[in-house]
PDB file of all heavy atoms in Angstrom:
ATOM      1  N   GLU A   1       0.782  -1.224  -0.003  1.00  0.00           N
ATOM      2  CA  GLU A   1      -0.009   0.030   0.098  1.00  0.00           C
ATOM      3  C   GLU A   1       0.863   1.243   0.057  1.00  0.00           C
ATOM      4  O   GLU A   1       0.398   2.311  -0.508  1.00  0.00           O
ATOM      5  CB  GLU A   1      -0.891   0.085   1.121  1.00  0.00           C
ATOM      6  CG  GLU A   1      -2.007  -1.014   1.234  1.00  0.00           C
ATOM      7  CD  GLU A   1      -1.464  -2.385   1.497  1.00  0.00           C
ATOM      8  OE1 GLU A   1      -0.419  -2.510   2.149  1.00  0.00           O
ATOM      9  OE2 GLU A   1      -2.142  -3.441   1.112  1.00  0.00           O
ATOM     10  N   ASP A   2       2.086   1.167   0.541  1.00  0.00           N
ATOM     11  CA  ASP A   2       2.962   2.358   0.546  1.00  0.00           C
ATOM     12  C   ASP A   2       4.006   2.369  -0.596  1.00  0.00           C
ATOM     13  O   ASP A   2       4.958   3.197  -0.536  1.00  0.00           O
ATOM     14  CB  ASP A   2       3.702   2.298   1.907  1.00  0.00           C
ATOM     15  CG  ASP A   2       2.841   2.579   3.060  1.00  0.00           C
ATOM     16  OD1 ASP A   2       1.884   3.300   2.945  1.00  0.00           O
ATOM     17  OD2 ASP A   2       3.132   2.051   4.187  1.00  0.00           O
ATOM     18  N   ALA A   3       3.907   1.451  -1.509  1.00  0.00           N
ATOM     19  CA  ALA A   3       4.778   1.379  -2.578  1.00  0.00           C
ATOM     20  C   ALA A   3       4.976   2.713  -3.362  1.00  0.00           C
ATOM     21  O   ALA A   3       6.028   3.119  -3.697  1.00  0.00           O
ATOM     22  CB  ALA A   3       4.519   0.262  -3.604  1.00  0.00           C
ATOM     23  N   THR A   4       3.845   3.385  -3.706  1.00  0.00           N
ATOM     24  CA  THR A   4       3.873   4.577  -4.491  1.00  0.00           C
ATOM     25  C   THR A   4       4.464   5.693  -3.606  1.00  0.00           C
ATOM     26  O   THR A   4       5.277   6.511  -4.078  1.00  0.00           O
ATOM     27  CB  THR A   4       2.453   4.999  -4.953  1.00  0.00           C
ATOM     28  OG1 THR A   4       1.864   4.025  -5.873  1.00  0.00           O
ATOM     29  CG2 THR A   4       2.499   6.312  -5.678  1.00  0.00           C
ATOM     30  N   THR A   5       4.007   5.794  -2.375  1.00  0.00           N
ATOM     31  CA  THR A   5       4.628   6.832  -1.460  1.00  0.00           C
ATOM     32  C   THR A   5       6.094   6.704  -1.336  1.00  0.00           C
ATOM     33  O   THR A   5       6.924   7.643  -1.387  1.00  0.00           O
ATOM     34  CB  THR A   5       4.048   6.765  -0.079  1.00  0.00           C
ATOM     35  OG1 THR A   5       2.561   6.884  -0.183  1.00  0.00           O
ATOM     36  CG2 THR A   5       4.602   7.820   0.909  1.00  0.00           C
ATOM     37  N   LEU A   6       6.627   5.410  -1.298  1.00  0.00           N
ATOM     38  CA  LEU A   6       8.030   5.229  -1.177  1.00  0.00           C
ATOM     39  C   LEU A   6       8.790   5.757  -2.457  1.00  0.00           C
ATOM     40  O   LEU A   6       9.878   6.369  -2.289  1.00  0.00           O
ATOM     41  CB  LEU A   6       8.355   3.689  -1.139  1.00  0.00           C
ATOM     42  CG  LEU A   6       9.782   3.253  -1.065  1.00  0.00           C
ATOM     43  CD1 LEU A   6      10.381   3.584   0.292  1.00  0.00           C
ATOM     44  CD2 LEU A   6       9.751   1.730  -1.305  1.00  0.00           C
ATOM     45  N   GLN A   7       8.194   5.611  -3.649  1.00  0.00           N
ATOM     46  CA  GLN A   7       8.921   6.146  -4.892  1.00  0.00           C
ATOM     47  C   GLN A   7       8.848   7.696  -4.924  1.00  0.00           C
ATOM     48  O   GLN A   7       9.837   8.241  -5.361  1.00  0.00           O
ATOM     49  CB  GLN A   7       8.201   5.468  -6.049  1.00  0.00           C
ATOM     50  CG  GLN A   7       8.176   4.018  -6.120  1.00  0.00           C
ATOM     51  CD  GLN A   7       9.527   3.414  -5.904  1.00  0.00           C
ATOM     52  OE1 GLN A   7      10.480   3.805  -6.621  1.00  0.00           O
ATOM     53  NE2 GLN A   7       9.696   2.470  -5.014  1.00  0.00           N
ATOM     54  N   HIS A   8       7.833   8.284  -4.449  1.00  0.00           N
ATOM     55  CA  HIS A   8       7.878   9.721  -4.405  1.00  0.00           C
ATOM     56  C   HIS A   8       8.851  10.201  -3.365  1.00  0.00           C
ATOM     57  O   HIS A   8       9.507  11.242  -3.578  1.00  0.00           O
ATOM     58  CB  HIS A   8       6.413  10.246  -4.183  1.00  0.00           C
ATOM     59  CG  HIS A   8       5.603  10.257  -5.391  1.00  0.00           C
ATOM     60  ND1 HIS A   8       5.032  11.321  -6.042  1.00  0.00           N
ATOM     61  CD2 HIS A   8       5.108   9.175  -6.104  1.00  0.00           C
ATOM     62  CE1 HIS A   8       4.299  10.943  -6.983  1.00  0.00           C
ATOM     63  NE2 HIS A   8       4.374   9.684  -7.111  1.00  0.00           N
ATOM     64  N   ASN A   9       8.941   9.509  -2.297  1.00  0.00           N
ATOM     65  CA  ASN A   9       9.865   9.956  -1.119  1.00  0.00           C
ATOM     66  C   ASN A   9      11.311   9.870  -1.546  1.00  0.00           C
ATOM     67  O   ASN A   9      12.088  10.723  -1.232  1.00  0.00           O
ATOM     68  CB  ASN A   9       9.609   9.030   0.059  1.00  0.00           C
ATOM     69  CG  ASN A   9       8.346   9.484   0.779  1.00  0.00           C
ATOM     70  OD1 ASN A   9       7.807  10.462   0.604  1.00  0.00           O
ATOM     71  ND2 ASN A   9       8.042   8.616   1.860  1.00  0.00           N
ATOM     72  N   ILE A  10      11.639   8.866  -2.376  1.00  0.00           N
ATOM     73  CA  ILE A  10      13.006   8.769  -2.814  1.00  0.00           C
ATOM     74  C   ILE A  10      13.482   9.857  -3.687  1.00  0.00           C
ATOM     75  O   ILE A  10      14.563  10.364  -3.619  1.00  0.00           O
ATOM     76  CB  ILE A  10      13.324   7.353  -3.473  1.00  0.00           C
ATOM     77  CG1 ILE A  10      14.874   7.189  -3.613  1.00  0.00           C
ATOM     78  CG2 ILE A  10      12.701   7.157  -4.754  1.00  0.00           C
ATOM     79  CD1 ILE A  10      15.341   5.865  -4.034  1.00  0.00           C
ATOM     80  N   ILE A  11      12.534  10.275  -4.543  1.00  0.00           N
ATOM     81  CA  ILE A  11      12.837  11.421  -5.430  1.00  0.00           C
ATOM     82  C   ILE A  11      12.960  12.646  -4.643  1.00  0.00           C
ATOM     83  O   ILE A  11      14.009  13.456  -4.809  1.00  0.00           O
ATOM     84  CB  ILE A  11      11.739  11.546  -6.489  1.00  0.00           C
ATOM     85  CG1 ILE A  11      11.596  10.400  -7.410  1.00  0.00           C
ATOM     86  CG2 ILE A  11      11.922  12.776  -7.277  1.00  0.00           C
ATOM     87  CD1 ILE A  11      12.821  10.050  -8.184  1.00  0.00           C
ATOM     88  N   ARG A  12      12.060  13.028  -3.678  1.00  0.00           N
ATOM     89  CA  ARG A  12      12.093  14.222  -2.974  1.00  0.00           C
ATOM     90  C   ARG A  12      13.303  14.234  -2.063  1.00  0.00           C
ATOM     91  O   ARG A  12      14.069  15.271  -1.983  1.00  0.00           O
ATOM     92  CB  ARG A  12      10.845  14.401  -2.177  1.00  0.00           C
ATOM     93  CG  ARG A  12       9.647  14.636  -2.997  1.00  0.00           C
ATOM     94  CD  ARG A  12       8.390  14.502  -2.212  1.00  0.00           C
ATOM     95  NE  ARG A  12       7.195  14.780  -3.037  1.00  0.00           N
ATOM     96  CZ  ARG A  12       6.002  14.128  -2.974  1.00  0.00           C
ATOM     97  NH1 ARG A  12       5.833  13.218  -1.997  1.00  0.00           N
ATOM     98  NH2 ARG A  12       4.992  14.502  -3.749  1.00  0.00           N
ATOM     99  N   SER A  13      13.615  13.108  -1.461  1.00  0.00           N
ATOM    100  CA  SER A  13      14.687  13.083  -0.348  1.00  0.00           C
ATOM    101  C   SER A  13      16.056  13.117  -1.006  1.00  0.00           C
ATOM    102  O   SER A  13      17.041  13.543  -0.382  1.00  0.00           O
ATOM    103  CB  SER A  13      14.535  11.893   0.599  1.00  0.00           C
ATOM    104  OG  SER A  13      14.723  10.695  -0.262  1.00  0.00           O
ATOM    105  N   HIS A  14      16.155  12.575  -2.246  1.00  0.00           N
ATOM    106  CA  HIS A  14      17.549  12.559  -2.921  1.00  0.00           C
ATOM    107  C   HIS A  14      17.773  13.670  -3.810  1.00  0.00           C
ATOM    108  O   HIS A  14      18.946  13.815  -4.346  1.00  0.00           O
ATOM    109  CB  HIS A  14      17.489  11.300  -3.823  1.00  0.00           C
ATOM    110  CG  HIS A  14      17.667   9.962  -3.010  1.00  0.00           C
ATOM    111  ND1 HIS A  14      16.818   9.711  -1.940  1.00  0.00           N
ATOM    112  CD2 HIS A  14      18.526   8.930  -3.138  1.00  0.00           C
ATOM    113  CE1 HIS A  14      17.259   8.428  -1.466  1.00  0.00           C
ATOM    114  NE2 HIS A  14      18.255   8.021  -2.141  1.00  0.00           N
ATOM    115  N   ALA A  15      16.881  14.609  -3.932  1.00  0.00           N
ATOM    116  CA  ALA A  15      17.157  15.834  -4.781  1.00  0.00           C
ATOM    117  C   ALA A  15      17.928  16.882  -3.992  1.00  0.00           C
ATOM    118  O   ALA A  15      17.421  17.936  -3.654  1.00  0.00           O
ATOM    119  CB  ALA A  15      15.898  16.430  -5.363  1.00  0.00           C
ATOM    120  N   VAL A  16      19.175  16.613  -3.698  1.00  0.00           N
ATOM    121  CA  VAL A  16      19.947  17.417  -2.720  1.00  0.00           C
ATOM    122  C   VAL A  16      21.326  17.800  -3.345  1.00  0.00           C
ATOM    123  O   VAL A  16      22.190  18.339  -2.525  1.00  0.00           O
ATOM    124  CB  VAL A  16      20.175  16.652  -1.370  1.00  0.00           C
ATOM    125  CG1 VAL A  16      18.862  16.601  -0.620  1.00  0.00           C
ATOM    126  CG2 VAL A  16      20.798  15.351  -1.576  1.00  0.00           C
ATOM    127  N   SER A  17      21.562  17.584  -4.654  1.00  0.00           N
ATOM    128  CA  SER A  17      22.835  18.227  -5.206  1.00  0.00           C
ATOM    129  C   SER A  17      22.613  19.703  -5.222  1.00  0.00           C
ATOM    130  O   SER A  17      21.591  20.259  -5.029  1.00  0.00           O
ATOM    131  CB  SER A  17      22.926  17.716  -6.651  1.00  0.00           C
ATOM    132  OG  SER A  17      21.839  17.950  -7.485  1.00  0.00           O
ATOM    133  N   VAL A  18      23.815  20.329  -5.182  1.00  0.00           N
ATOM    134  CA  VAL A  18      23.812  21.828  -4.950  1.00  0.00           C
ATOM    135  C   VAL A  18      24.576  22.497  -6.015  1.00  0.00           C
ATOM    136  O   VAL A  18      25.152  21.948  -6.947  1.00  0.00           O
ATOM    137  CB  VAL A  18      24.444  22.119  -3.581  1.00  0.00           C
ATOM    138  CG1 VAL A  18      23.604  21.495  -2.447  1.00  0.00           C
ATOM    139  CG2 VAL A  18      25.870  21.566  -3.542  1.00  0.00           C
ATOM    140  N   GLY A  19      24.650  23.859  -5.886  1.00  0.00           N
ATOM    141  CA  GLY A  19      25.456  24.717  -6.792  1.00  0.00           C
ATOM    142  C   GLY A  19      24.771  25.050  -8.117  1.00  0.00           C
ATOM    143  O   GLY A  19      23.581  25.000  -8.169  1.00  0.00           O
ATOM    144  N   GLU A  20      25.558  25.421  -9.069  1.00  0.00           N
ATOM    145  CA  GLU A  20      25.036  25.838 -10.333  1.00  0.00           C
ATOM    146  C   GLU A  20      24.499  24.710 -11.119  1.00  0.00           C
ATOM    147  O   GLU A  20      24.824  23.587 -10.970  1.00  0.00           O
ATOM    148  CB  GLU A  20      26.206  26.417 -11.217  1.00  0.00           C
ATOM    149  CG  GLU A  20      26.818  27.719 -10.652  1.00  0.00           C
ATOM    150  CD  GLU A  20      25.865  28.830 -10.662  1.00  0.00           C
ATOM    151  OE1 GLU A  20      25.126  29.028 -11.675  1.00  0.00           O
ATOM    152  OE2 GLU A  20      25.813  29.450  -9.602  1.00  0.00           O
ATOM    153  N   PRO A  21      23.388  24.948 -11.805  1.00  0.00           N
ATOM    154  CA  PRO A  21      22.623  23.903 -12.602  1.00  0.00           C
ATOM    155  C   PRO A  21      23.555  23.328 -13.667  1.00  0.00           C
ATOM    156  O   PRO A  21      24.441  24.031 -14.247  1.00  0.00           O
ATOM    157  CB  PRO A  21      21.438  24.619 -13.121  1.00  0.00           C
ATOM    158  CG  PRO A  21      21.809  26.037 -13.271  1.00  0.00           C
ATOM    159  CD  PRO A  21      22.760  26.334 -12.086  1.00  0.00           C
ATOM    160  N   LEU A  22      23.382  22.077 -13.979  1.00  0.00           N
ATOM    161  CA  LEU A  22      24.059  21.453 -15.099  1.00  0.00           C
ATOM    162  C   LEU A  22      23.727  22.097 -16.438  1.00  0.00           C
ATOM    163  O   LEU A  22      22.504  22.616 -16.600  1.00  0.00           O
ATOM    164  CB  LEU A  22      23.765  19.927 -15.190  1.00  0.00           C
ATOM    165  CG  LEU A  22      24.188  19.142 -14.005  1.00  0.00           C
ATOM    166  CD1 LEU A  22      23.583  17.660 -14.168  1.00  0.00           C
ATOM    167  CD2 LEU A  22      25.758  19.013 -13.994  1.00  0.00           C
ATOM    168  N   GLU A  23      24.662  22.146 -17.374  1.00  0.00           N
ATOM    169  CA  GLU A  23      24.352  22.701 -18.660  1.00  0.00           C
ATOM    170  C   GLU A  23      23.235  21.909 -19.383  1.00  0.00           C
ATOM    171  O   GLU A  23      22.979  20.751 -19.124  1.00  0.00           O
ATOM    172  CB  GLU A  23      25.641  22.623 -19.522  1.00  0.00           C
ATOM    173  CG  GLU A  23      26.754  23.500 -19.021  1.00  0.00           C
ATOM    174  CD  GLU A  23      27.995  23.296 -19.873  1.00  0.00           C
ATOM    175  OE1 GLU A  23      27.875  23.166 -21.082  1.00  0.00           O
ATOM    176  OE2 GLU A  23      29.070  23.293 -19.258  1.00  0.00           O
ATOM    177  N   LYS A  24      22.583  22.668 -20.216  1.00  0.00           N
ATOM    178  CA  LYS A  24      21.468  21.994 -20.941  1.00  0.00           C
ATOM    179  C   LYS A  24      21.831  20.701 -21.629  1.00  0.00           C
ATOM    180  O   LYS A  24      21.091  19.754 -21.490  1.00  0.00           O
ATOM    181  CB  LYS A  24      20.732  22.984 -21.962  1.00  0.00           C
ATOM    182  CG  LYS A  24      19.657  22.395 -22.713  1.00  0.00           C
ATOM    183  CD  LYS A  24      19.030  23.520 -23.654  1.00  0.00           C
ATOM    184  CE  LYS A  24      17.823  22.984 -24.378  1.00  0.00           C
ATOM    185  NZ  LYS A  24      17.237  24.064 -25.259  1.00  0.00           N
ATOM    186  N   GLU A  25      22.932  20.699 -22.334  1.00  0.00           N
ATOM    187  CA  GLU A  25      23.257  19.483 -23.079  1.00  0.00           C
ATOM    188  C   GLU A  25      23.618  18.342 -22.089  1.00  0.00           C
ATOM    189  O   GLU A  25      23.472  17.161 -22.571  1.00  0.00           O
ATOM    190  CB  GLU A  25      24.424  19.743 -24.035  1.00  0.00           C
ATOM    191  CG  GLU A  25      25.837  19.811 -23.483  1.00  0.00           C
ATOM    192  CD  GLU A  25      26.895  19.921 -24.628  1.00  0.00           C
ATOM    193  OE1 GLU A  25      26.480  20.051 -25.753  1.00  0.00           O
ATOM    194  OE2 GLU A  25      28.069  19.721 -24.155  1.00  0.00           O
ATOM    195  N   ILE A  26      24.055  18.645 -20.972  1.00  0.00           N
ATOM    196  CA  ILE A  26      24.344  17.538 -20.076  1.00  0.00           C
ATOM    197  C   ILE A  26      23.058  16.937 -19.452  1.00  0.00           C
ATOM    198  O   ILE A  26      22.833  15.702 -19.418  1.00  0.00           O
ATOM    199  CB  ILE A  26      25.221  18.079 -18.779  1.00  0.00           C
ATOM    200  CG1 ILE A  26      26.700  18.385 -19.321  1.00  0.00           C
ATOM    201  CG2 ILE A  26      25.230  17.092 -17.644  1.00  0.00           C
ATOM    202  CD1 ILE A  26      27.404  17.142 -19.666  1.00  0.00           C
ATOM    203  N   VAL A  27      22.112  17.745 -19.127  1.00  0.00           N
ATOM    204  CA  VAL A  27      20.734  17.372 -18.690  1.00  0.00           C
ATOM    205  C   VAL A  27      20.127  16.446 -19.781  1.00  0.00           C
ATOM    206  O   VAL A  27      19.629  15.351 -19.516  1.00  0.00           O
ATOM    207  CB  VAL A  27      19.880  18.544 -18.368  1.00  0.00           C
ATOM    208  CG1 VAL A  27      18.469  18.066 -17.992  1.00  0.00           C
ATOM    209  CG2 VAL A  27      20.406  19.245 -17.132  1.00  0.00           C
ATOM    210  N   ARG A  28      20.176  16.911 -20.981  1.00  0.00           N
ATOM    211  CA  ARG A  28      19.518  16.194 -22.126  1.00  0.00           C
ATOM    212  C   ARG A  28      20.320  14.917 -22.303  1.00  0.00           C
ATOM    213  O   ARG A  28      19.597  13.907 -22.556  1.00  0.00           O
ATOM    214  CB  ARG A  28      19.551  17.031 -23.384  1.00  0.00           C
ATOM    215  CG  ARG A  28      18.627  18.225 -23.348  1.00  0.00           C
ATOM    216  CD  ARG A  28      18.672  19.105 -24.627  1.00  0.00           C
ATOM    217  NE  ARG A  28      18.444  18.312 -25.819  1.00  0.00           N
ATOM    218  CZ  ARG A  28      17.150  18.116 -26.234  1.00  0.00           C
ATOM    219  NH1 ARG A  28      16.171  18.549 -25.547  1.00  0.00           N
ATOM    220  NH2 ARG A  28      16.957  17.411 -27.331  1.00  0.00           N
ATOM    221  N   ALA A  29      21.645  14.785 -22.120  1.00  0.00           N
ATOM    222  CA  ALA A  29      22.315  13.667 -22.259  1.00  0.00           C
ATOM    223  C   ALA A  29      22.021  12.606 -21.203  1.00  0.00           C
ATOM    224  O   ALA A  29      21.851  11.442 -21.486  1.00  0.00           O
ATOM    225  CB  ALA A  29      23.841  13.915 -22.254  1.00  0.00           C
ATOM    226  N   ILE A  30      21.759  13.079 -20.039  1.00  0.00           N
ATOM    227  CA  ILE A  30      21.387  12.213 -18.937  1.00  0.00           C
ATOM    228  C   ILE A  30      19.987  11.672 -19.112  1.00  0.00           C
ATOM    229  O   ILE A  30      19.763  10.464 -18.975  1.00  0.00           O
ATOM    230  CB  ILE A  30      21.556  12.898 -17.572  1.00  0.00           C
ATOM    231  CG1 ILE A  30      22.978  13.365 -17.179  1.00  0.00           C
ATOM    232  CG2 ILE A  30      20.927  12.093 -16.460  1.00  0.00           C
ATOM    233  CD1 ILE A  30      23.132  14.272 -15.969  1.00  0.00           C
ATOM    234  N   GLN A  31      19.091  12.544 -19.556  1.00  0.00           N
ATOM    235  CA  GLN A  31      17.728  12.036 -19.853  1.00  0.00           C
ATOM    236  C   GLN A  31      17.709  11.011 -20.945  1.00  0.00           C
ATOM    237  O   GLN A  31      16.996   9.924 -20.839  1.00  0.00           O
ATOM    238  CB  GLN A  31      16.779  13.265 -20.325  1.00  0.00           C
ATOM    239  CG  GLN A  31      16.459  14.213 -19.191  1.00  0.00           C
ATOM    240  CD  GLN A  31      15.747  15.410 -19.683  1.00  0.00           C
ATOM    241  OE1 GLN A  31      16.117  16.087 -20.593  1.00  0.00           O
ATOM    242  NE2 GLN A  31      14.526  15.701 -19.143  1.00  0.00           N
ATOM    243  N   PHE A  32      18.585  11.224 -21.958  1.00  0.00           N
ATOM    244  CA  PHE A  32      18.740  10.318 -23.014  1.00  0.00           C
ATOM    245  C   PHE A  32      19.257   8.882 -22.474  1.00  0.00           C
ATOM    246  O   PHE A  32      18.703   7.878 -22.836  1.00  0.00           O
ATOM    247  CB  PHE A  32      19.612  10.804 -24.123  1.00  0.00           C
ATOM    248  CG  PHE A  32      19.815   9.923 -25.269  1.00  0.00           C
ATOM    249  CD1 PHE A  32      18.990   9.914 -26.292  1.00  0.00           C
ATOM    250  CD2 PHE A  32      20.984   9.143 -25.323  1.00  0.00           C
ATOM    251  CE1 PHE A  32      19.132   9.020 -27.352  1.00  0.00           C
ATOM    252  CE2 PHE A  32      21.253   8.275 -26.387  1.00  0.00           C
ATOM    253  CZ  PHE A  32      20.334   8.182 -27.460  1.00  0.00           C
ATOM    254  N   MET A  33      20.183   8.969 -21.546  1.00  0.00           N
ATOM    255  CA  MET A  33      20.746   7.759 -21.023  1.00  0.00           C
ATOM    256  C   MET A  33      19.717   7.033 -20.225  1.00  0.00           C
ATOM    257  O   MET A  33      19.752   5.851 -20.067  1.00  0.00           O
ATOM    258  CB  MET A  33      22.013   8.079 -20.245  1.00  0.00           C
ATOM    259  CG  MET A  33      23.281   7.933 -20.986  1.00  0.00           C
ATOM    260  SD  MET A  33      23.503   6.473 -22.005  1.00  0.00           S
ATOM    261  CE  MET A  33      23.186   5.238 -20.786  1.00  0.00           C
ATOM    262  N   ILE A  34      18.887   7.807 -19.441  1.00  0.00           N
ATOM    263  CA  ILE A  34      17.794   7.118 -18.644  1.00  0.00           C
ATOM    264  C   ILE A  34      16.854   6.307 -19.602  1.00  0.00           C
ATOM    265  O   ILE A  34      16.571   5.188 -19.274  1.00  0.00           O
ATOM    266  CB  ILE A  34      17.023   8.183 -17.896  1.00  0.00           C
ATOM    267  CG1 ILE A  34      17.918   8.810 -16.731  1.00  0.00           C
ATOM    268  CG2 ILE A  34      15.801   7.596 -17.236  1.00  0.00           C
ATOM    269  CD1 ILE A  34      17.363   9.977 -16.046  1.00  0.00           C
ATOM    270  N   LEU A  35      16.530   6.953 -20.714  1.00  0.00           N
ATOM    271  CA  LEU A  35      15.672   6.244 -21.733  1.00  0.00           C
ATOM    272  C   LEU A  35      16.451   5.003 -22.247  1.00  0.00           C
ATOM    273  O   LEU A  35      15.750   3.871 -22.392  1.00  0.00           O
ATOM    274  CB  LEU A  35      15.388   7.171 -22.870  1.00  0.00           C
ATOM    275  CG  LEU A  35      14.457   8.380 -22.560  1.00  0.00           C
ATOM    276  CD1 LEU A  35      14.148   9.187 -23.811  1.00  0.00           C
ATOM    277  CD2 LEU A  35      13.102   7.903 -21.918  1.00  0.00           C
ATOM    278  N   VAL A  36      17.667   5.106 -22.521  1.00  0.00           N
ATOM    279  CA  VAL A  36      18.439   3.994 -23.043  1.00  0.00           C
ATOM    280  C   VAL A  36      18.493   2.837 -22.029  1.00  0.00           C
ATOM    281  O   VAL A  36      18.253   1.666 -22.377  1.00  0.00           O
ATOM    282  CB  VAL A  36      19.808   4.375 -23.537  1.00  0.00           C
ATOM    283  CG1 VAL A  36      20.709   3.242 -23.888  1.00  0.00           C
ATOM    284  CG2 VAL A  36      19.768   5.395 -24.671  1.00  0.00           C
ATOM    285  N   SER A  37      18.852   3.183 -20.844  1.00  0.00           N
ATOM    286  CA  SER A  37      19.145   2.189 -19.797  1.00  0.00           C
ATOM    287  C   SER A  37      17.741   1.493 -19.487  1.00  0.00           C
ATOM    288  O   SER A  37      17.706   0.302 -19.368  1.00  0.00           O
ATOM    289  CB  SER A  37      19.795   2.852 -18.536  1.00  0.00           C
ATOM    290  OG  SER A  37      19.944   1.922 -17.507  1.00  0.00           O
TER     291      SER A  37
END
């Protein structure tokens, strides 16, 4: 029953990188790799 909550929690709790945002082409490359993997 808590499986969905668990998945949202991992996204929210893990979004803790800091500093300047990654360049657009880096973000797009990571998204592409997520689709591939």
